[in-house]
């Protein structure tokens, strides 16, 4: 796979590991990439919701990009781009490209920002504001670009019709990252009619049904990446029953982790850390504080999954 090929399969998006000094932990971040590479990752993604991007300052975001580019080697690096303005996102996109990123995934501006633009008469509605924002950022880069269309998590998103129009007008718009139930994702896949590949996330919820719905793959955190990779391989090989059996075994872990984004960052990251052989996780506020009961459950799931490579 080179940087112009469509992504496919299960793509891991890294957690942000912090040391006891509160800074990003270089050794833990490297160990994470080593593990997903050993597990057969075809690409590595950073700076999404799992990476707690909203808790990272501009310097730390660039540090995560640099480290991931160094550790990923020949694997395509996928960088999620977040920022309040077109210029801010364009600057980070340029930095990512210079560091070696081969794909970008844009996050939308905030809902409050879009609402304010509509009130000022700068856009007809929030959807058109969001679409124009994405188009402007895409015009600043030559890399293939996706968008993260996750209104339930990010507050703002596009309809399938708006996504299709954006694909028609922006030649480097090459991927859609959704965050929704498989029934809704299927409607998007049908509306796009093969125009561009669709990924889902949500920690792997409804994994097999998302593949049935036509998803090209999933973008998920590393805690269960290796198991989801095996499920995808079974599905692609035509062993649907085998994929379903493996998914049924994994589902309790996914349900536990994906109660909310805070739960994923609190307990999913700990499951990943224990499977990686890392020491206890240091949390960065704000976030969910782990409970004794939750830690015991997370440890049980980690032990059941076993070590990552």
Protein backbone atom coordinates (compact mmCIF):
# COMPACT_ATOMS: atom_id res chain seq x y z
CA UNK A 1 0.00 0.00 0.00
CA UNK A 2 1.41 3.42 -0.91
CA UNK A 3 0.14 6.82 0.11
CA UNK A 4 -2.24 7.10 -2.84
CA UNK A 5 -3.92 3.73 -2.35
CA UNK A 6 -7.22 3.53 -0.54
CA UNK A 7 -6.86 2.43 3.06
CA UNK A 8 -8.55 -0.82 3.99
CA UNK A 9 -8.85 -3.22 6.89
CA UNK A 10 -8.42 -2.47 10.58
CA UNK A 11 -6.33 0.65 11.18
CA UNK A 12 -5.12 1.27 14.76
CA UNK A 13 -5.27 4.81 16.11
CA UNK A 14 -2.82 5.35 18.94
CA UNK A 15 -3.57 6.18 22.53
CA UNK A 16 -1.66 9.04 24.14
CA UNK A 17 0.47 7.64 26.98
CA UNK A 18 1.75 10.04 29.61
CA UNK A 19 4.58 9.61 32.09
CA UNK A 20 4.41 10.36 35.78
CA UNK A 21 5.87 13.78 34.96
CA UNK A 22 2.73 14.54 32.94
CA UNK A 23 4.54 14.62 29.61
CA UNK A 24 4.00 12.29 26.67
CA UNK A 25 5.84 9.02 27.28
CA UNK A 26 8.22 8.35 24.39
CA UNK A 27 8.96 4.73 25.26
CA UNK A 28 5.28 3.83 25.69
CA UNK A 29 4.32 5.46 22.41
CA UNK A 30 7.07 3.54 20.60
CA UNK A 31 6.05 0.23 22.21
CA UNK A 32 2.48 0.79 21.04
CA UNK A 33 3.55 1.21 17.40
CA UNK A 34 5.86 -1.79 17.60
CA UNK A 35 2.96 -3.93 18.81
CA UNK A 36 0.47 -2.93 16.11
CA UNK A 37 3.13 -3.39 13.45
CA UNK A 38 3.87 -6.88 14.77
CA UNK A 39 0.13 -7.61 14.74
CA UNK A 40 -0.05 -6.84 11.03
CA UNK A 41 -1.26 -3.23 10.84
CA UNK A 42 -1.35 -1.85 7.29
CA UNK A 43 -1.26 1.75 8.52
CA UNK A 44 -1.01 3.71 11.78
CA UNK A 45 -3.25 6.65 12.73
CA UNK A 46 -2.76 9.39 15.33
CA UNK A 47 -4.43 12.44 16.89
CA UNK A 48 -8.00 11.21 16.92
CA UNK A 49 -10.35 11.01 19.88
CA UNK A 50 -8.45 8.03 21.29
CA UNK A 51 -5.26 10.11 21.26
CA UNK A 52 -7.03 12.70 23.47
CA UNK A 53 -6.16 15.33 20.91
CA UNK A 54 -8.13 18.02 22.75
CA UNK A 55 -5.82 17.60 25.75
CA UNK A 56 -2.65 18.08 23.69
CA UNK A 57 -1.15 21.48 22.95
CA UNK A 58 0.25 22.37 19.52
CA UNK A 59 3.77 21.25 20.42
CA UNK A 60 2.56 17.90 21.73
CA UNK A 61 0.48 17.25 18.61
CA UNK A 62 3.56 17.75 16.48
CA UNK A 63 5.55 15.53 18.82
CA UNK A 64 3.03 12.71 18.42
CA UNK A 65 3.27 13.08 14.63
CA UNK A 66 7.08 13.03 14.67
CA UNK A 67 7.28 9.98 16.92
CA UNK A 68 4.67 8.04 14.97
CA UNK A 69 6.38 8.85 11.66
CA UNK A 70 9.68 7.64 13.06
CA UNK A 71 8.24 4.43 14.51
CA UNK A 72 5.84 3.53 11.68
CA UNK A 73 8.66 3.01 9.20
CA UNK A 74 7.19 2.18 5.81
CA UNK A 75 3.64 1.91 7.09
CA UNK A 76 1.40 4.75 5.89
CA UNK A 77 0.87 7.32 8.63
CA UNK A 78 -2.66 8.72 8.92
CA UNK A 79 -2.92 12.01 10.84
CA UNK A 80 -6.17 13.43 12.15
CA UNK A 81 -6.22 17.22 11.76
CA UNK A 82 -8.01 19.31 14.36
CA UNK A 83 -8.19 23.10 14.62
CA UNK A 84 -10.60 25.97 15.02
CA UNK A 85 -9.67 27.75 11.79
CA UNK A 86 -8.79 26.79 8.23
CA UNK A 87 -5.31 28.27 8.69
CA UNK A 88 -4.75 26.29 11.89
CA UNK A 89 -5.74 23.02 10.23
CA UNK A 90 -3.77 23.84 7.07
CA UNK A 91 -0.65 24.53 9.14
CA UNK A 92 -0.92 21.21 10.98
CA UNK A 93 -1.64 19.41 7.70
CA UNK A 94 1.51 20.91 6.17
CA UNK A 95 3.52 19.85 9.22
CA UNK A 96 2.16 16.32 9.03
CA UNK A 97 2.95 16.06 5.33
CA UNK A 98 6.51 17.29 5.88
CA UNK A 99 6.93 14.72 8.67
CA UNK A 100 5.92 11.90 6.33
CA UNK A 101 2.15 11.53 6.73
CA UNK A 102 0.48 9.94 3.73
CA UNK A 103 -3.16 10.50 4.70
CA UNK A 104 -5.04 13.23 6.55
CA UNK A 105 -8.43 12.97 8.27
CA UNK A 106 -10.05 16.32 9.01
CA UNK A 107 -12.20 16.97 12.04
CA UNK A 108 -14.95 19.59 11.70
CA UNK A 109 -14.92 22.99 13.41
CA UNK A 110 -16.98 23.30 16.55
CA UNK A 111 -20.77 23.47 16.52
CA UNK A 112 -20.63 26.80 18.38
CA UNK A 113 -18.31 28.19 15.71
CA UNK A 114 -20.66 27.06 12.94
CA UNK A 115 -23.72 28.45 14.75
CA UNK A 116 -22.00 31.82 15.13
CA UNK A 117 -21.17 31.91 11.41
CA UNK A 118 -24.82 31.23 10.54
CA UNK A 119 -25.99 33.97 12.91
CA UNK A 120 -23.60 36.40 11.24
CA UNK A 121 -25.01 35.46 7.84
CA UNK A 122 -21.74 33.90 6.65
CA UNK A 123 -23.40 30.53 5.92
CA UNK A 124 -26.89 29.31 5.14
CA UNK A 125 -26.70 26.59 7.78
CA UNK A 126 -24.15 24.72 9.87
CA UNK A 127 -23.82 21.90 7.34
CA UNK A 128 -22.87 24.23 4.50
CA UNK A 129 -20.40 25.99 6.81
CA UNK A 130 -18.81 22.67 7.72
CA UNK A 131 -18.58 21.54 4.08
CA UNK A 132 -16.99 24.83 3.01
CA UNK A 133 -14.53 24.59 5.90
CA UNK A 134 -13.46 21.09 4.83
CA UNK A 135 -13.13 22.16 1.19
CA UNK A 136 -10.87 25.10 2.11
CA UNK A 137 -8.55 22.91 4.18
CA UNK A 138 -8.39 20.29 1.41
CA UNK A 139 -7.34 22.97 -1.06
CA UNK A 140 -4.22 23.59 1.06
CA UNK A 141 -2.79 20.06 0.73
CA UNK A 142 -1.86 17.59 -1.98
CA UNK A 143 -2.32 14.58 0.28
CA UNK A 144 -5.36 12.29 0.06
CA UNK A 145 -7.83 13.43 2.67
CA UNK A 146 -10.68 11.94 4.66
CA UNK A 147 -13.15 13.60 6.98
CA UNK A 148 -14.33 12.41 10.36
CA UNK A 149 -18.10 12.58 10.15
CA UNK A 150 -19.13 12.00 13.74
CA UNK A 151 -21.80 14.51 14.82
CA UNK A 152 -22.69 12.40 17.88
CA UNK A 153 -19.15 12.87 19.22
CA UNK A 154 -17.99 16.12 17.60
CA UNK A 155 -21.26 18.06 17.45
CA UNK A 156 -21.16 18.80 13.73
CA UNK A 157 -21.26 16.68 10.60
CA UNK A 158 -22.48 16.24 7.04
CA UNK A 159 -25.40 14.40 5.49
CA UNK A 160 -24.70 11.73 2.88
CA UNK A 161 -25.75 14.20 0.16
CA UNK A 162 -23.31 16.81 1.43
CA UNK A 163 -20.53 14.22 1.60
CA UNK A 164 -21.23 13.21 -2.00
CA UNK A 165 -21.16 16.84 -3.16
CA UNK A 166 -17.84 17.39 -1.36
CA UNK A 167 -16.41 14.31 -3.09
CA UNK A 168 -17.49 15.70 -6.47
CA UNK A 169 -15.83 19.07 -5.92
CA UNK A 170 -12.64 18.09 -4.02
CA UNK A 171 -10.48 15.60 -5.96
CA UNK A 172 -8.27 14.74 -2.98
CA UNK A 173 -11.26 13.86 -0.77
CA UNK A 174 -10.73 10.10 -0.73
CA UNK A 175 -12.17 8.62 2.50
CA UNK A 176 -15.05 8.99 4.95
CA UNK A 177 -14.57 8.09 8.61
CA UNK A 178 -17.99 7.64 10.17
CA UNK A 179 -18.97 7.05 13.78
CA UNK A 180 -22.43 5.56 13.79
CA UNK A 181 -24.56 2.41 13.82
CA UNK A 182 -24.24 -0.01 10.93
CA UNK A 183 -27.76 0.75 9.67
CA UNK A 184 -26.85 4.44 9.25
CA UNK A 185 -23.45 3.60 7.77
CA UNK A 186 -25.14 1.35 5.20
CA UNK A 187 -27.28 4.29 4.06
CA UNK A 188 -24.14 6.38 3.59
CA UNK A 189 -22.40 3.58 1.67
CA UNK A 190 -25.40 3.25 -0.64
CA UNK A 191 -25.65 7.01 -1.17
CA UNK A 192 -21.96 7.27 -2.08
CA UNK A 193 -22.31 4.36 -4.53
CA UNK A 194 -18.63 3.47 -4.48
CA UNK A 195 -17.45 7.07 -4.82
CA UNK A 196 -15.09 6.70 -1.85
CA UNK A 197 -14.38 4.11 0.86
CA UNK A 198 -16.21 4.37 4.16
CA UNK A 199 -14.70 3.46 7.52
CA UNK A 200 -16.40 3.22 10.88
CA UNK A 201 -14.97 3.39 14.37
CA UNK A 202 -16.90 3.21 17.65
CA UNK A 203 -14.29 0.83 19.05
CA UNK A 204 -15.36 -1.99 16.76
CA UNK A 205 -19.01 -2.12 17.74
CA UNK A 206 -21.00 -4.06 15.11
CA UNK A 207 -17.74 -4.94 13.38
CA UNK A 208 -19.06 -7.79 11.23
CA UNK A 209 -22.25 -5.93 10.33
CA UNK A 210 -20.20 -2.87 9.36
CA UNK A 211 -18.24 -5.07 6.96
CA UNK A 212 -21.51 -6.48 5.62
CA UNK A 213 -22.72 -2.90 5.17
CA UNK A 214 -19.81 -2.22 2.85
CA UNK A 215 -17.25 -0.58 5.10
CA UNK A 216 -13.70 -0.75 3.77
CA UNK A 217 -12.52 -1.19 7.33
CA UNK A 218 -12.48 0.24 10.83
CA UNK A 219 -10.28 2.71 12.68
CA UNK A 220 -9.98 1.54 16.28
CA UNK A 221 -7.72 1.89 19.32
CA UNK A 222 -5.00 -0.72 19.95
CA UNK A 223 -6.56 -2.46 22.97
CA UNK A 224 -8.43 -4.95 20.74
CA UNK A 225 -6.84 -4.13 17.37
CA UNK A 226 -5.18 -7.52 16.91
CA UNK A 227 -8.41 -9.42 17.55
CA UNK A 228 -10.36 -7.19 15.20
CA UNK A 229 -7.65 -7.74 12.59
CA UNK A 230 -8.27 -11.49 12.81
CA UNK A 231 -12.03 -11.03 12.50
CA UNK A 232 -11.57 -8.88 9.40
CA UNK A 233 -9.25 -11.47 7.86
CA UNK A 234 -11.84 -14.22 8.41
CA UNK A 235 -14.56 -12.07 6.87
CA UNK A 236 -12.49 -11.19 3.80
CA UNK A 237 -11.60 -14.87 3.35
CA UNK A 238 -15.31 -15.71 3.24
CA UNK A 239 -15.41 -17.41 6.65
CA UNK A 240 -18.30 -15.33 7.93
CA UNK A 241 -19.27 -17.85 10.61
CA UNK A 242 -15.69 -17.84 11.88
CA UNK A 243 -15.67 -14.05 11.95
CA UNK A 244 -18.93 -14.07 13.91
CA UNK A 245 -17.55 -16.54 16.47
CA UNK A 246 -14.42 -14.48 17.06
CA UNK A 247 -16.49 -11.33 17.32
CA UNK A 248 -18.83 -12.90 19.88
CA UNK A 249 -15.79 -13.69 22.04
CA UNK A 250 -14.50 -10.12 21.78
CA UNK A 251 -17.80 -8.28 22.15
CA UNK A 252 -17.92 -8.13 25.99
CA UNK A 253 -14.61 -6.27 25.99
CA UNK A 254 -15.79 -3.83 23.34
CA UNK A 255 -19.05 -3.18 25.21
CA UNK A 256 -17.16 -2.52 28.44
CA UNK A 257 -14.72 -0.09 26.83
CA UNK A 258 -17.17 1.78 24.60
CA UNK A 259 -19.69 3.03 27.15
CA UNK A 260 -18.35 6.52 26.40
CA UNK A 261 -15.23 8.27 25.16
CA UNK A 262 -14.18 8.84 28.77
CA UNK A 263 -14.54 5.11 29.47
CA UNK A 264 -12.43 4.25 26.44
CA UNK A 265 -9.66 6.62 27.47
CA UNK A 266 -9.77 5.47 31.09
CA UNK A 267 -10.18 1.71 30.79
CA UNK A 268 -9.47 0.92 27.13
CA UNK A 269 -6.08 2.57 27.45
CA UNK A 270 -5.34 0.52 30.55
CA UNK A 271 -6.29 -2.70 28.77
CA UNK A 272 -3.90 -1.72 25.98
CA UNK A 273 -1.15 -0.80 28.45
CA UNK A 274 -1.36 -4.08 30.33
CA UNK A 275 -1.39 -6.05 27.10
CA UNK A 276 1.68 -4.08 26.00
CA UNK A 277 3.50 -4.83 29.25
CA UNK A 278 3.57 -1.15 30.24
CA UNK A 279 3.40 0.18 33.80
CA UNK A 280 0.27 1.73 35.24
CA UNK A 281 -1.37 4.46 33.17
CA UNK A 282 -1.05 8.09 34.19
CA UNK A 283 -4.21 10.03 33.33
CA UNK A 284 -4.35 13.60 32.08
CA UNK A 285 -7.25 15.71 33.32
CA UNK A 286 -10.04 16.21 32.60
CA UNK A 287 -11.22 12.64 32.46
CA UNK A 288 -12.88 9.73 34.18
CA UNK A 289 -11.16 8.55 37.36
CA UNK A 290 -10.88 4.75 37.47
CA UNK A 291 -12.68 2.85 40.20
CA UNK A 292 -11.52 -0.33 41.91
CA UNK A 293 -14.39 -2.23 40.30
CA UNK A 294 -13.60 -0.81 36.86
CA UNK A 295 -9.90 -1.61 37.19
CA UNK A 296 -10.69 -5.19 38.16
CA UNK A 297 -12.93 -5.55 35.12
CA UNK A 298 -10.34 -4.01 32.80
CA UNK A 299 -7.64 -6.31 34.18
CA UNK A 300 -9.89 -9.31 33.63
CA UNK A 301 -10.45 -8.36 30.00
CA UNK A 302 -6.75 -7.68 29.46
CA UNK A 303 -5.81 -11.07 30.91
CA UNK A 304 -8.40 -12.77 28.73
CA UNK A 305 -7.00 -11.13 25.60
CA UNK A 306 -3.40 -11.88 26.48
CA UNK A 307 -0.25 -9.95 25.55
CA UNK A 308 0.06 -7.89 22.41
CA UNK A 309 3.02 -8.91 20.20
